[in-house]
Amino acid sequence: MITAALLELFDDRDEVFEIIKSFDIPGVRYKIEKVDKCGIVGTGITVTVNGVEESEDIHSHYHSNLSDVEKNISGISNVSEKVKNDAINVYRIIAQAESKVHGKALTDIHFHEVGTLDAIADVTAVCYLLDKLSVDSIIVSNINTGSGFVNCAHGTLPVPA
């Protein structure tokens, strides 16, 4: 959703999206489409890996570590070093949070959903768009975290997870 929202900020959206589509992440393809959800129209981005939109089933069986993710991002040859470093830093921050929550060393952290190729493609696209927009800082309000439960690779967790 962030990739789609950021794309809306560009007058030359289609040209910018062509650059994102050219990222050489093995098997990854991006698709842009107009979406209508409950009467609200916007841009949607779908990321597929080897022609398949990665599902919850794939995510629940997939495990990668920070080193795996760093190698995947570093291997993207047509993305600037700054964008790659920004994307890797996103994952380092996530790994630090996971390390604290699970009481494990960074090297022992395993990513599930966020470590899949579709997530890496999304994070890289967002970092590229933020760089292209020359964003110096991001300011957000408090986030309504909701309540209830969410199913993820660690089982059913309370919200906020």
Protein backbone atom coordinates (compact mmCIF):
# COMPACT_ATOMS: atom_id res chain seq x y z
CA MET A 1 0.00 0.00 0.00
CA ILE A 2 2.86 2.39 0.73
CA THR A 3 4.39 1.80 -2.70
CA ALA A 4 1.05 2.59 -4.35
CA ALA A 5 0.48 5.68 -2.18
CA LEU A 6 3.95 7.05 -2.91
CA LEU A 7 3.52 6.45 -6.64
CA GLU A 8 0.48 8.75 -6.55
CA LEU A 9 2.83 11.64 -5.69
CA PHE A 10 4.55 11.52 -9.09
CA ASP A 11 3.27 13.34 -12.17
CA ASP A 12 5.22 10.79 -14.24
CA ARG A 13 3.88 7.82 -12.25
CA ASP A 14 3.96 5.37 -15.15
CA GLU A 15 7.60 6.21 -15.97
CA VAL A 16 8.61 5.82 -12.32
CA PHE A 17 6.74 2.53 -12.11
CA GLU A 18 8.62 1.25 -15.19
CA ILE A 19 11.85 1.76 -13.24
CA ILE A 20 10.47 -0.22 -10.29
CA LYS A 21 9.38 -2.98 -12.66
CA SER A 22 12.96 -3.17 -13.93
CA PHE A 23 14.39 -4.11 -10.51
CA ASP A 24 16.14 -7.42 -11.10
CA ILE A 25 14.86 -9.41 -8.14
CA PRO A 26 14.73 -13.03 -9.39
CA GLY A 27 11.19 -14.07 -10.30
CA VAL A 28 9.59 -10.86 -8.99
CA ARG A 29 7.07 -8.94 -11.08
CA TYR A 30 5.15 -5.80 -10.13
CA LYS A 31 1.69 -5.00 -11.47
CA ILE A 32 -0.15 -1.70 -11.09
CA GLU A 33 -3.92 -1.47 -11.25
CA LYS A 34 -6.78 0.81 -10.41
CA VAL A 35 -8.67 -0.54 -7.40
CA ASP A 36 -12.10 0.26 -5.98
CA LYS A 37 -12.69 -0.67 -2.35
CA CYS A 38 -16.03 0.30 -0.88
CA GLY A 39 -16.38 3.13 -3.41
CA ILE A 40 -12.88 4.54 -2.77
CA VAL A 41 -10.73 4.46 -5.91
CA GLY A 42 -6.96 4.30 -5.80
CA THR A 43 -3.84 2.61 -7.05
CA GLY A 44 -3.01 -0.97 -6.16
CA ILE A 45 0.32 -2.71 -6.57
CA THR A 46 0.53 -6.50 -6.75
CA VAL A 47 3.87 -8.26 -6.39
CA THR A 48 4.18 -11.80 -7.72
CA VAL A 49 7.07 -14.23 -7.39
CA ASN A 50 7.41 -16.74 -10.22
CA GLY A 51 3.92 -15.77 -11.37
CA VAL A 52 2.28 -16.39 -7.99
CA GLU A 53 1.07 -13.88 -5.46
CA GLU A 54 2.70 -15.11 -2.28
CA SER A 55 0.07 -16.44 0.09
CA GLU A 56 -0.20 -16.88 3.85
CA ASP A 57 0.60 -20.57 3.31
CA ILE A 58 3.92 -19.73 1.63
CA HIS A 59 4.73 -17.16 4.30
CA SER A 60 4.09 -19.58 7.16
CA HIS A 61 6.68 -22.05 5.82
CA TYR A 62 9.28 -19.54 4.68
CA HIS A 63 12.19 -18.58 6.91
CA SER A 64 15.07 -16.25 6.15
CA ASN A 65 17.54 -14.44 8.33
CA LEU A 66 19.03 -10.96 8.14
CA SER A 67 22.03 -12.23 6.19
CA ASP A 68 19.73 -13.85 3.57
CA VAL A 69 17.74 -10.63 3.17
CA GLU A 70 20.90 -8.52 2.94
CA LYS A 71 22.24 -10.82 0.18
CA ASN A 72 18.95 -10.59 -1.73
CA ILE A 73 18.91 -6.80 -1.55
CA SER A 74 22.63 -6.44 -2.30
CA GLY A 75 22.14 -8.56 -5.42
CA ILE A 76 19.77 -6.08 -7.05
CA SER A 77 22.12 -4.66 -9.69
CA ASN A 78 19.95 -1.85 -11.06
CA VAL A 79 19.21 -0.08 -7.77
CA SER A 80 21.47 2.58 -6.25
CA GLU A 81 23.66 1.73 -3.27
CA LYS A 82 21.74 4.30 -1.21
CA VAL A 83 18.41 2.58 -1.89
CA LYS A 84 19.95 -0.82 -1.13
CA ASN A 85 21.42 0.49 2.13
CA ASP A 86 18.09 2.06 3.10
CA ALA A 87 16.26 -1.23 2.44
CA ILE A 88 18.86 -3.20 4.40
CA ASN A 89 18.54 -0.72 7.28
CA VAL A 90 14.77 -1.26 7.33
CA TYR A 91 15.43 -4.96 7.85
CA ARG A 92 18.09 -4.28 10.49
CA ILE A 93 15.56 -2.25 12.47
CA ILE A 94 13.00 -5.07 12.15
CA ALA A 95 15.65 -7.61 13.21
CA GLN A 96 16.54 -5.51 16.26
CA ALA A 97 12.88 -5.38 17.29
CA GLU A 98 12.50 -9.16 16.73
CA SER A 99 15.69 -9.75 18.73
CA LYS A 100 14.31 -7.79 21.66
CA VAL A 101 10.85 -9.40 21.54
CA HIS A 102 12.17 -12.96 21.25
CA GLY A 103 15.22 -12.50 23.51
CA LYS A 104 17.56 -13.80 20.79
CA ALA A 105 20.73 -12.56 19.13
CA LEU A 106 20.33 -10.79 15.78
CA THR A 107 22.00 -13.74 14.06
CA ASP A 108 19.33 -16.07 15.46
CA ILE A 109 16.37 -14.05 14.19
CA HIS A 110 14.31 -15.64 11.42
CA PHE A 111 11.96 -13.59 9.29
CA HIS A 112 8.71 -15.11 8.12
CA GLU A 113 6.34 -12.85 6.17
CA VAL A 114 8.70 -9.86 6.01
CA GLY A 115 11.60 -11.96 4.68
CA THR A 116 9.88 -13.25 1.55
CA LEU A 117 10.78 -11.92 -1.88
CA ASP A 118 7.48 -10.05 -2.26
CA ALA A 119 8.16 -8.17 0.98
CA ILE A 120 11.76 -7.44 -0.04
CA ALA A 121 10.44 -6.13 -3.37
CA ASP A 122 7.95 -3.88 -1.56
CA VAL A 123 10.51 -2.51 0.89
CA THR A 124 12.99 -1.84 -1.92
CA ALA A 125 10.32 -0.06 -3.98
CA VAL A 126 9.35 2.15 -1.03
CA CYS A 127 13.00 3.02 -0.36
CA TYR A 128 13.47 3.84 -4.06
CA LEU A 129 10.39 6.10 -4.12
CA LEU A 130 11.38 7.91 -0.92
CA ASP A 131 14.84 8.50 -2.38
CA LYS A 132 13.37 9.74 -5.68
CA LEU A 133 11.13 12.12 -3.75
CA SER A 134 14.20 13.37 -1.80
CA VAL A 135 12.43 12.79 1.50
CA ASP A 136 14.49 14.03 4.45
CA SER A 137 12.23 12.78 7.21
CA ILE A 138 8.92 11.06 7.75
CA ILE A 139 6.50 12.24 10.41
CA VAL A 140 3.55 10.13 11.49
CA SER A 141 0.80 10.52 14.02
CA ASN A 142 0.03 7.88 16.60
CA ILE A 143 -1.04 4.68 14.91
CA ASN A 144 -4.35 3.13 15.86
CA THR A 145 -3.22 -0.44 16.48
CA GLY A 146 -6.68 -1.90 16.82
CA SER A 147 -7.58 -4.91 18.88
CA GLY A 148 -8.43 -8.55 18.47
CA PHE A 149 -6.17 -11.25 17.07
CA VAL A 150 -4.06 -11.83 13.96
CA ASN A 151 -2.83 -15.09 12.47
CA CYS A 152 0.84 -15.14 11.47
CA ALA A 153 3.81 -17.50 11.30
CA HIS A 154 4.09 -17.41 15.11
CA GLY A 155 0.45 -18.50 15.50
CA THR A 156 -2.48 -16.42 16.67
CA LEU A 157 -1.27 -13.26 18.41
CA PRO A 158 -3.16 -10.46 20.12
CA VAL A 159 -3.34 -7.11 18.32
CA PRO A 160 -1.16 -5.15 18.59
CA ALA A 161 1.17 -8.07 17.91
